[in-house]
Amino acid sequence: MAEFKEIKSDRLNEKILYTRHKSGLDIYIAPKAGYSSQYAIFGTKYGSIDNHFRFEGEDITVPEGIAHYLEHKLFESEDGDAFSRYAKTGASANAYTSFDKTCYLFSSTSRFKESLEILLDFVQHPYFTEQTVKKEQGIIGQEIKMYDDSPDWRVFFNLLGALYHNHPVKIDIAGTVESISRITPELLYKCYGAFYNLSNMLLCVSGDIDPNDVIEVVDRVIKDNEPKKVESIFDPEPDTIVKPRTEQQLSVSVPLFNFGFKDKPALGKEAARKEALTDIVLEVVCGEASPLYRRLYDSGLINANFSKQYFSGRSFASVIFGGESHYPDKVADEIIKETNRLKKEGMNKDDFEAAKRTVYGRLAVTFDSVENIANNIAACRFMDYLPFDVIDEAANAEYNSAQERLNEIFSEERCALSVISPIK
């Protein structure tokens, strides 16, 4: 049986078991004794941003949206689809493609080993034909058109288009109707061969599970694999933004806005540090207990839909505020005014300590959910750190480091406002 390395967090009294399978597949297991469900993710470090890459000596550019397209097609086989197989075990299955990863998953309360076998099996057996690929173009084309009319989707991607000159994060994950029309079975197989190599993938499992059961299924189902290296290529991205404001009219009753600050991306422990410090800073700036939030809310400039997030992944990062407002430019001005004040005067130390506790508590609670644990492990490992690293960074955050982070993020030269306004 496999030998596991135990990765522990004494702070949370939690552990993750890790082993590298002989195939090159990284396996992470988070045992949760007494939990009624099991959750598994089989993921690859391949997302919508990976349209230009080098593989086996060849420089390859593929149509936008192909990672998402491939995710859809993998569920199909000559004998039917994976969902019909899951129906027999009672598991609930799904998949998602993000900017920097693609993950296939299921949740179960029984017959876990059978469901895990289905997951590992169908992801390893691509089946693409001219006929099935053409059929999918119509289905995904409709999906793209639906998102083109979605105010929440458009306000977000319009912001990314205002922030990023060259980086493919500004491109819709599903691509365009035109770009997916150029997808062929040959291109799908080429992308599959490059990114679905087991050395580029991981398996994350959480729940009341015997680790040996996981290894037994992996040993039986995972195919022999020769490790291959794929390297994504990105054009240089300047620190500057494209434009400070963008606006589009769609069918909304109240204007929507996203207001973003472009940040420098990171990987590994530095990415974990940035995430923890940024979350603390955002809590100080406009958490629900902050003076700015109360001022904006009491004056009717924002409502309960107001949000804040650190949007980051492999090779991109930004801070984004969002919500509904009749005066989005005023909201953006107030955020700039408050962050400039905090840069000049410094954060209140009591506010910093309260924000630190809030962020730590929020992160700790994620370990109560088998779904969140597995998803977090996958997301963090593809960024070269572990969920425990972010927890530790939040717990150990120092005031001066957070103040430096605040000063670093909030630059008026690197921010942009995206607005979706009602059709006149």
Protein backbone atom coordinates (compact mmCIF):
# COMPACT_ATOMS: atom_id res chain seq x y z
CA MET A 1 0.00 0.00 0.00
CA ALA A 2 1.02 3.60 -0.51
CA GLU A 3 2.98 5.51 2.09
CA PHE A 4 1.30 8.78 3.03
CA LYS A 5 2.95 11.96 4.19
CA GLU A 6 0.86 13.56 6.93
CA ILE A 7 0.44 17.34 6.59
CA LYS A 8 -0.94 18.66 9.88
CA SER A 9 -2.38 21.88 11.20
CA ASP A 10 -2.11 21.87 14.99
CA ARG A 11 -3.92 25.21 14.95
CA LEU A 12 -7.06 23.61 13.41
CA ASN A 13 -6.48 20.04 14.57
CA GLU A 14 -6.84 18.97 10.93
CA LYS A 15 -4.67 16.85 8.66
CA ILE A 16 -4.23 16.09 4.98
CA LEU A 17 -2.64 12.88 3.74
CA TYR A 18 -0.48 13.13 0.64
CA THR A 19 1.13 10.59 -1.66
CA ARG A 20 2.45 10.64 -5.20
CA HIS A 21 1.19 7.63 -7.09
CA LYS A 22 3.60 5.66 -9.28
CA SER A 23 1.74 7.12 -12.29
CA GLY A 24 2.82 10.63 -11.25
CA LEU A 25 -0.64 11.57 -9.94
CA ASP A 26 -0.64 13.64 -6.74
CA ILE A 27 -3.24 12.36 -4.27
CA TYR A 28 -4.57 14.35 -1.30
CA ILE A 29 -6.95 12.85 1.24
CA ALA A 30 -8.62 14.82 4.06
CA PRO A 31 -10.13 12.25 6.46
CA LYS A 32 -13.25 13.51 8.26
CA ALA A 33 -14.38 10.77 10.64
CA GLY A 34 -18.11 10.69 11.32
CA TYR A 35 -19.10 12.76 8.28
CA SER A 36 -21.96 11.28 6.26
CA SER A 37 -20.76 12.23 2.76
CA GLN A 38 -17.68 11.81 0.62
CA TYR A 39 -16.40 14.21 -2.00
CA ALA A 40 -13.79 13.71 -4.70
CA ILE A 41 -12.18 15.99 -7.29
CA PHE A 42 -10.04 14.86 -10.22
CA GLY A 43 -8.51 18.04 -11.61
CA THR A 44 -5.99 19.31 -14.10
CA LYS A 45 -3.93 22.51 -14.15
CA TYR A 46 -5.63 23.62 -17.34
CA GLY A 47 -8.09 26.46 -17.71
CA SER A 48 -9.38 29.06 -20.12
CA ILE A 49 -6.16 31.11 -19.94
CA ASP A 50 -4.05 28.24 -21.36
CA ASN A 51 -4.65 28.89 -25.06
CA HIS A 52 -0.99 29.28 -25.99
CA PHE A 53 1.45 26.60 -24.84
CA ARG A 54 4.60 24.68 -25.62
CA PHE A 55 4.38 20.89 -25.69
CA GLU A 56 6.82 18.31 -27.01
CA GLY A 57 8.86 20.97 -28.80
CA GLU A 58 5.84 22.53 -30.52
CA ASP A 59 4.48 26.04 -29.96
CA ILE A 60 0.68 25.66 -30.05
CA THR A 61 -2.15 28.22 -30.13
CA VAL A 62 -5.74 26.95 -29.87
CA PRO A 63 -9.20 28.62 -30.09
CA GLU A 64 -10.55 30.45 -27.05
CA GLY A 65 -12.93 28.35 -24.97
CA ILE A 66 -11.38 24.99 -25.79
CA ALA A 67 -10.67 23.99 -22.16
CA HIS A 68 -14.36 24.45 -21.29
CA TYR A 69 -15.37 22.64 -24.48
CA LEU A 70 -13.14 19.70 -23.60
CA GLU A 71 -14.68 19.49 -20.14
CA HIS A 72 -18.14 19.12 -21.70
CA LYS A 73 -17.00 16.47 -24.17
CA LEU A 74 -15.17 14.27 -21.66
CA PHE A 75 -18.43 13.14 -20.08
CA GLU A 76 -19.32 11.36 -23.34
CA SER A 77 -18.16 7.93 -24.47
CA GLU A 78 -19.07 5.41 -27.15
CA ASP A 79 -21.34 3.67 -24.63
CA GLY A 80 -23.22 6.71 -23.31
CA ASP A 81 -22.26 9.34 -20.76
CA ALA A 82 -20.78 9.40 -17.26
CA PHE A 83 -23.98 10.79 -15.70
CA SER A 84 -25.90 7.63 -16.53
CA ARG A 85 -23.15 5.60 -14.84
CA TYR A 86 -23.33 7.78 -11.73
CA ALA A 87 -27.11 7.34 -11.62
CA LYS A 88 -26.50 3.68 -10.72
CA THR A 89 -24.34 4.57 -7.69
CA GLY A 90 -26.50 7.46 -6.51
CA ALA A 91 -23.63 9.94 -6.61
CA SER A 92 -24.14 13.57 -7.63
CA ALA A 93 -21.57 14.49 -10.30
CA ASN A 94 -20.46 17.74 -11.89
CA ALA A 95 -17.49 19.56 -13.41
CA TYR A 96 -16.25 23.10 -13.87
CA THR A 97 -13.69 24.98 -15.90
CA SER A 98 -12.23 28.14 -14.41
CA PHE A 99 -9.53 30.47 -15.66
CA ASP A 100 -6.69 28.22 -14.51
CA LYS A 101 -8.07 24.72 -13.82
CA THR A 102 -10.62 22.10 -14.86
CA CYS A 103 -12.12 19.83 -12.20
CA TYR A 104 -14.42 16.79 -12.35
CA LEU A 105 -16.16 15.88 -9.11
CA PHE A 106 -18.80 13.89 -7.32
CA SER A 107 -20.47 13.79 -3.93
CA SER A 108 -21.72 10.52 -2.46
CA THR A 109 -23.18 9.03 0.70
CA SER A 110 -22.64 5.39 -0.28
CA ARG A 111 -20.86 3.24 -2.87
CA PHE A 112 -17.91 5.63 -2.81
CA LYS A 113 -15.40 3.27 -4.41
CA GLU A 114 -17.68 2.60 -7.39
CA SER A 115 -18.21 6.33 -7.93
CA LEU A 116 -14.48 7.03 -7.65
CA GLU A 117 -13.84 4.35 -10.26
CA ILE A 118 -16.28 6.06 -12.65
CA LEU A 119 -14.58 9.44 -12.08
CA LEU A 120 -11.08 8.17 -12.78
CA ASP A 121 -12.21 6.05 -15.69
CA PHE A 122 -14.19 8.53 -17.80
CA VAL A 123 -11.68 11.37 -17.41
CA GLN A 124 -8.97 9.05 -18.76
CA HIS A 125 -10.96 7.99 -21.83
CA PRO A 126 -11.56 10.87 -24.25
CA TYR A 127 -13.92 10.19 -27.14
CA PHE A 128 -14.27 12.90 -29.78
CA THR A 129 -15.78 12.57 -33.25
CA GLU A 130 -16.63 15.15 -35.92
CA GLN A 131 -20.33 14.53 -35.31
CA THR A 132 -20.27 14.91 -31.49
CA VAL A 133 -17.98 17.94 -31.63
CA LYS A 134 -20.27 19.71 -34.13
CA LYS A 135 -23.31 18.93 -31.99
CA GLU A 136 -21.69 20.51 -28.93
CA GLN A 137 -20.98 23.74 -30.82
CA GLY A 138 -24.69 24.52 -30.90
CA ILE A 139 -25.16 23.73 -27.20
CA ILE A 140 -22.19 25.79 -25.99
CA GLY A 141 -23.02 28.53 -28.50
CA GLN A 142 -26.39 28.96 -26.79
CA GLU A 143 -24.64 29.05 -23.42
CA ILE A 144 -22.29 31.80 -24.66
CA LYS A 145 -25.20 33.89 -25.97
CA MET A 146 -26.98 33.48 -22.64
CA TYR A 147 -23.94 34.80 -20.74
CA ASP A 148 -23.54 37.65 -23.24
CA ASP A 149 -26.92 38.88 -22.01
CA SER A 150 -26.16 38.30 -18.31
CA PRO A 151 -25.53 41.65 -16.54
CA ASP A 152 -23.51 40.01 -13.71
CA TRP A 153 -21.29 38.22 -16.21
CA ARG A 154 -20.80 41.23 -18.47
CA VAL A 155 -19.99 43.70 -15.69
CA PHE A 156 -17.22 41.35 -14.54
CA PHE A 157 -15.65 40.63 -17.95
CA ASN A 158 -15.98 44.26 -19.01
CA LEU A 159 -13.91 45.13 -15.93
CA LEU A 160 -11.26 42.55 -16.81
CA GLY A 161 -11.13 44.01 -20.32
CA ALA A 162 -10.51 47.45 -18.79
CA LEU A 163 -7.75 46.16 -16.48
CA TYR A 164 -5.83 43.75 -18.74
CA HIS A 165 -4.11 44.56 -22.03
CA ASN A 166 -2.91 41.10 -23.11
CA HIS A 167 -3.64 38.51 -20.44
CA PRO A 168 -6.26 35.92 -21.54
CA VAL A 169 -8.04 36.22 -18.17
CA LYS A 170 -10.06 38.98 -19.90
CA ILE A 171 -11.50 36.40 -22.35
CA ASP A 172 -14.77 34.64 -21.53
CA ILE A 173 -14.13 31.14 -20.16
CA ALA A 174 -16.47 29.60 -22.78
CA GLY A 175 -14.87 31.58 -25.64
CA THR A 176 -17.00 33.09 -28.42
CA VAL A 177 -19.40 31.56 -30.95
CA GLU A 178 -16.74 32.22 -33.59
CA SER A 179 -13.83 30.72 -31.63
CA ILE A 180 -15.62 27.47 -30.74
CA SER A 181 -16.59 27.00 -34.39
CA ARG A 182 -12.87 26.34 -35.03
CA ILE A 183 -12.62 23.51 -32.50
CA THR A 184 -11.97 20.07 -34.04
CA PRO A 185 -11.53 16.55 -32.61
CA GLU A 186 -7.82 16.80 -33.49
CA LEU A 187 -7.39 19.99 -31.44
CA LEU A 188 -9.28 18.47 -28.51
CA TYR A 189 -7.04 15.40 -28.53
CA LYS A 190 -3.96 17.65 -28.74
CA CYS A 191 -5.04 19.68 -25.68
CA TYR A 192 -6.04 16.51 -23.84
CA GLY A 193 -2.63 14.95 -24.50
CA ALA A 194 -0.83 18.04 -23.26
CA PHE A 195 -2.80 18.93 -20.13
CA TYR A 196 -4.48 15.70 -19.03
CA ASN A 197 -1.15 14.04 -18.36
CA LEU A 198 -1.30 12.67 -14.80
CA SER A 199 1.80 14.62 -13.78
CA ASN A 200 -0.26 17.79 -14.46
CA MET A 201 -3.27 16.54 -12.44
CA LEU A 202 -4.33 15.78 -8.88
CA LEU A 203 -6.95 13.81 -7.00
CA CYS A 204 -8.48 15.31 -3.83
CA VAL A 205 -10.78 13.29 -1.60
CA SER A 206 -12.51 14.37 1.62
CA GLY A 207 -14.90 12.66 4.01
CA ASP A 208 -15.17 9.54 6.18
CA ILE A 209 -12.89 7.50 3.92
CA ASP A 210 -10.31 4.75 4.30
CA PRO A 211 -7.22 6.07 2.44
CA ASN A 212 -6.38 2.52 1.40
CA ASP A 213 -9.71 2.30 -0.45
CA VAL A 214 -8.69 5.33 -2.51
CA ILE A 215 -5.32 3.81 -3.39
CA GLU A 216 -6.89 0.46 -4.24
CA VAL A 217 -9.17 2.13 -6.81
CA VAL A 218 -6.35 4.31 -8.19
CA ASP A 219 -4.05 1.29 -8.58
CA ARG A 220 -6.75 -0.55 -10.46
CA VAL A 221 -8.10 2.23 -12.69
CA ILE A 222 -5.29 4.70 -13.36
CA LYS A 223 -3.41 3.93 -16.55
CA ASP A 224 0.38 3.85 -16.89
CA ASN A 225 1.56 7.33 -17.63
CA GLU A 226 4.77 8.78 -19.01
CA PRO A 227 5.28 12.21 -17.41
CA LYS A 228 5.21 15.03 -19.95
CA LYS A 229 5.83 18.72 -19.44
CA VAL A 230 3.52 21.39 -20.82
CA GLU A 231 4.36 25.09 -20.48
CA SER A 232 1.74 27.82 -20.85
CA ILE A 233 2.92 30.96 -22.63
CA PHE A 234 1.62 34.44 -21.81
CA ASP A 235 2.39 37.71 -23.54
CA PRO A 236 3.95 40.31 -21.21
CA GLU A 237 1.28 42.17 -19.26
CA PRO A 238 2.04 45.80 -18.36
CA ASP A 239 1.28 47.14 -14.87
CA THR A 240 -0.94 49.80 -16.45
CA ILE A 241 -4.66 49.43 -17.14
CA VAL A 242 -6.39 49.70 -20.54
CA LYS A 243 -8.95 52.35 -19.55
CA PRO A 244 -10.35 53.71 -16.28
CA ARG A 245 -14.04 53.28 -17.09
CA THR A 246 -16.33 51.12 -19.23
CA GLU A 247 -20.12 51.13 -19.47
CA GLN A 248 -22.71 48.95 -21.21
CA GLN A 249 -26.50 49.11 -21.29
CA LEU A 250 -28.48 45.95 -20.54
CA SER A 251 -31.84 45.04 -19.08
CA VAL A 252 -31.34 45.99 -15.39
CA SER A 253 -33.51 48.08 -13.08
CA VAL A 254 -30.58 49.34 -10.96
CA PRO A 255 -27.05 49.88 -12.34
CA LEU A 256 -24.48 47.16 -11.55
CA PHE A 257 -20.83 47.93 -10.97
CA ASN A 258 -17.46 46.21 -10.55
CA PHE A 259 -14.59 48.40 -9.38
CA GLY A 260 -11.17 46.77 -9.59
CA PHE A 261 -7.51 47.36 -8.73
CA LYS A 262 -4.93 45.47 -10.77
CA ASP A 263 -2.35 43.60 -8.67
CA LYS A 264 0.85 41.69 -9.35
CA PRO A 265 0.28 37.89 -9.30
CA ALA A 266 2.27 35.43 -7.19
CA LEU A 267 2.68 31.69 -6.64
CA GLY A 268 3.61 29.49 -3.68
CA LYS A 269 3.89 30.84 -0.13
CA GLU A 270 3.97 34.41 -1.47
CA ALA A 271 0.53 33.88 -3.03
CA ALA A 272 -0.78 32.51 0.29
CA ARG A 273 0.66 35.53 2.11
CA LYS A 274 -0.90 37.96 -0.35
CA GLU A 275 -4.30 36.27 -0.12
CA ALA A 276 -4.40 36.36 3.68
CA LEU A 277 -3.16 39.95 3.98
CA THR A 278 -5.46 41.19 1.21
CA ASP A 279 -8.52 39.59 2.82
CA ILE A 280 -7.63 41.30 6.12
CA VAL A 281 -7.11 44.66 4.40
CA LEU A 282 -10.45 44.36 2.55
CA GLU A 283 -12.19 43.67 5.85
CA VAL A 284 -10.67 46.84 7.33
CA VAL A 285 -11.50 48.94 4.26
CA CYS A 286 -15.10 47.88 3.67
CA GLY A 287 -16.14 44.97 5.86
CA GLU A 288 -19.65 45.30 7.27
CA ALA A 289 -18.25 46.79 10.50
CA SER A 290 -16.11 49.38 8.69
CA PRO A 291 -16.88 53.12 8.66
CA LEU A 292 -16.83 53.14 4.84
CA TYR A 293 -19.41 50.34 4.55
CA ARG A 294 -21.72 51.99 7.07
CA ARG A 295 -21.38 55.35 5.33
CA LEU A 296 -22.13 53.90 1.89
CA TYR A 297 -24.99 51.75 3.15
CA ASP A 298 -26.65 54.43 5.31
CA SER A 299 -26.53 56.95 2.46
CA GLY A 300 -28.15 54.47 0.06
CA LEU A 301 -25.11 54.28 -2.24
CA ILE A 302 -24.91 50.48 -1.79
CA ASN A 303 -27.25 47.74 -0.60
CA ALA A 304 -26.81 44.28 0.92
CA ASN A 305 -25.52 42.95 -2.43
CA PHE A 306 -22.22 44.83 -2.02
CA SER A 307 -19.22 42.48 -2.24
CA LYS A 308 -15.44 42.47 -2.12
CA GLN A 309 -12.97 39.81 -3.24
CA TYR A 310 -9.36 39.07 -4.01
CA PHE A 311 -9.59 37.61 -7.50
CA SER A 312 -6.38 35.68 -8.11
CA GLY A 313 -4.99 32.63 -9.87
CA ARG A 314 -2.00 31.43 -11.84
CA SER A 315 -0.53 34.58 -13.44
CA PHE A 316 -3.28 37.12 -12.58
CA ALA A 317 -4.59 39.00 -9.54
CA SER A 318 -6.83 41.95 -8.72
CA VAL A 319 -9.06 43.31 -5.97
CA ILE A 320 -12.70 43.70 -7.01
CA PHE A 321 -15.62 45.48 -5.33
CA GLY A 322 -19.09 44.91 -6.74
CA GLY A 323 -22.77 45.56 -6.24
CA GLU A 324 -25.80 47.62 -7.23
CA SER A 325 -25.88 51.40 -7.02
CA HIS A 326 -27.68 54.32 -8.62
CA TYR A 327 -24.38 56.20 -8.28
CA PRO A 328 -21.53 53.73 -9.04
CA ASP A 329 -19.00 56.49 -9.80
CA LYS A 330 -19.67 57.97 -6.36
CA VAL A 331 -19.07 54.55 -4.75
CA ALA A 332 -15.74 54.24 -6.59
CA ASP A 333 -14.75 57.76 -5.50
CA GLU A 334 -15.58 56.96 -1.87
CA ILE A 335 -13.47 53.77 -1.98
CA ILE A 336 -10.52 55.73 -3.40
CA LYS A 337 -10.99 58.47 -0.80
CA GLU A 338 -11.04 55.94 2.06
CA THR A 339 -8.06 53.92 0.85
CA ASN A 340 -6.07 57.13 0.32
CA ARG A 341 -6.90 58.12 3.91
CA LEU A 342 -5.81 54.72 5.23
CA LYS A 343 -2.60 54.95 3.23
CA LYS A 344 -1.85 58.35 4.70
CA GLU A 345 -3.03 57.88 8.30
CA GLY A 346 -2.59 54.12 8.65
CA MET A 347 -5.20 51.54 9.61
CA ASN A 348 -6.63 51.61 13.11
CA LYS A 349 -4.83 48.83 14.98
CA ASP A 350 -7.98 47.63 16.73
CA ASP A 351 -9.73 47.45 13.35
CA PHE A 352 -6.80 45.43 12.00
CA GLU A 353 -6.99 42.93 14.90
CA ALA A 354 -10.76 42.56 14.50
CA ALA A 355 -10.39 42.02 10.73
CA LYS A 356 -7.66 39.46 11.33
CA ARG A 357 -9.94 37.45 13.65
CA THR A 358 -12.81 37.69 11.15
CA VAL A 359 -10.70 36.41 8.24
CA TYR A 360 -9.16 33.63 10.33
CA GLY A 361 -12.60 32.47 11.46
CA ARG A 362 -13.93 32.53 7.91
CA LEU A 363 -11.03 30.40 6.68
CA ALA A 364 -11.28 27.95 9.60
CA VAL A 365 -14.99 27.31 8.96
CA THR A 366 -14.21 25.99 5.45
CA PHE A 367 -12.75 22.88 7.08
CA ASP A 368 -16.24 21.92 8.30
CA SER A 369 -17.35 21.07 4.75
CA VAL A 370 -16.01 18.12 2.74
CA GLU A 371 -16.78 19.99 -0.49
CA ASN A 372 -14.90 23.12 0.60
CA ILE A 373 -11.92 21.13 1.83
CA ALA A 374 -11.41 19.26 -1.46
CA ASN A 375 -12.04 22.37 -3.59
CA ASN A 376 -9.60 24.39 -1.47
CA ILE A 377 -6.89 21.76 -1.71
CA ALA A 378 -7.21 21.66 -5.50
CA ALA A 379 -7.21 25.45 -5.88
CA CYS A 380 -4.26 25.93 -3.53
CA ARG A 381 -2.12 23.09 -4.90
CA PHE A 382 -2.45 24.42 -8.44
CA MET A 383 -1.03 27.66 -6.98
CA ASP A 384 1.80 25.71 -5.25
CA TYR A 385 0.69 26.05 -1.64
CA LEU A 386 -1.73 24.37 0.81
CA PRO A 387 -4.88 25.67 2.55
CA PHE A 388 -3.03 25.49 5.87
CA ASP A 389 -0.55 28.05 4.53
CA VAL A 390 -3.29 30.70 4.14
CA ILE A 391 -4.65 29.90 7.62
CA ASP A 392 -1.15 30.32 9.12
CA GLU A 393 -0.55 33.56 7.21
CA ALA A 394 -3.85 34.97 8.48
CA ALA A 395 -3.14 33.91 12.07
CA ASN A 396 0.41 35.31 11.99
CA ALA A 397 -0.35 38.50 10.03
CA GLU A 398 1.37 41.59 11.38
CA TYR A 399 0.05 45.13 11.26
CA ASN A 400 3.00 46.57 9.31
CA SER A 401 2.76 43.85 6.64
CA ALA A 402 -0.97 44.50 6.20
CA GLN A 403 -0.39 48.25 5.96
CA GLU A 404 2.29 47.67 3.30
CA ARG A 405 -0.17 45.46 1.42
CA LEU A 406 -2.84 48.16 1.56
CA ASN A 407 -0.39 50.75 0.24
CA GLU A 408 0.63 48.35 -2.54
CA ILE A 409 -2.85 47.44 -3.77
CA PHE A 410 -4.75 50.70 -3.91
CA SER A 411 -3.22 52.76 -6.69
CA GLU A 412 -5.42 55.24 -8.56
CA GLU A 413 -3.33 54.57 -11.68
CA ARG A 414 -4.25 50.86 -11.66
CA CYS A 415 -8.00 50.92 -11.06
CA ALA A 416 -10.99 50.75 -13.38
CA LEU A 417 -14.78 50.95 -13.06
CA SER A 418 -17.21 48.78 -15.03
CA VAL A 419 -20.89 49.76 -15.07
CA ILE A 420 -23.97 48.05 -16.49
CA SER A 421 -26.72 50.67 -16.73
CA PRO A 422 -30.42 50.32 -17.60
CA ILE A 423 -31.40 50.56 -21.27
CA LYS A 424 -32.67 54.07 -21.98
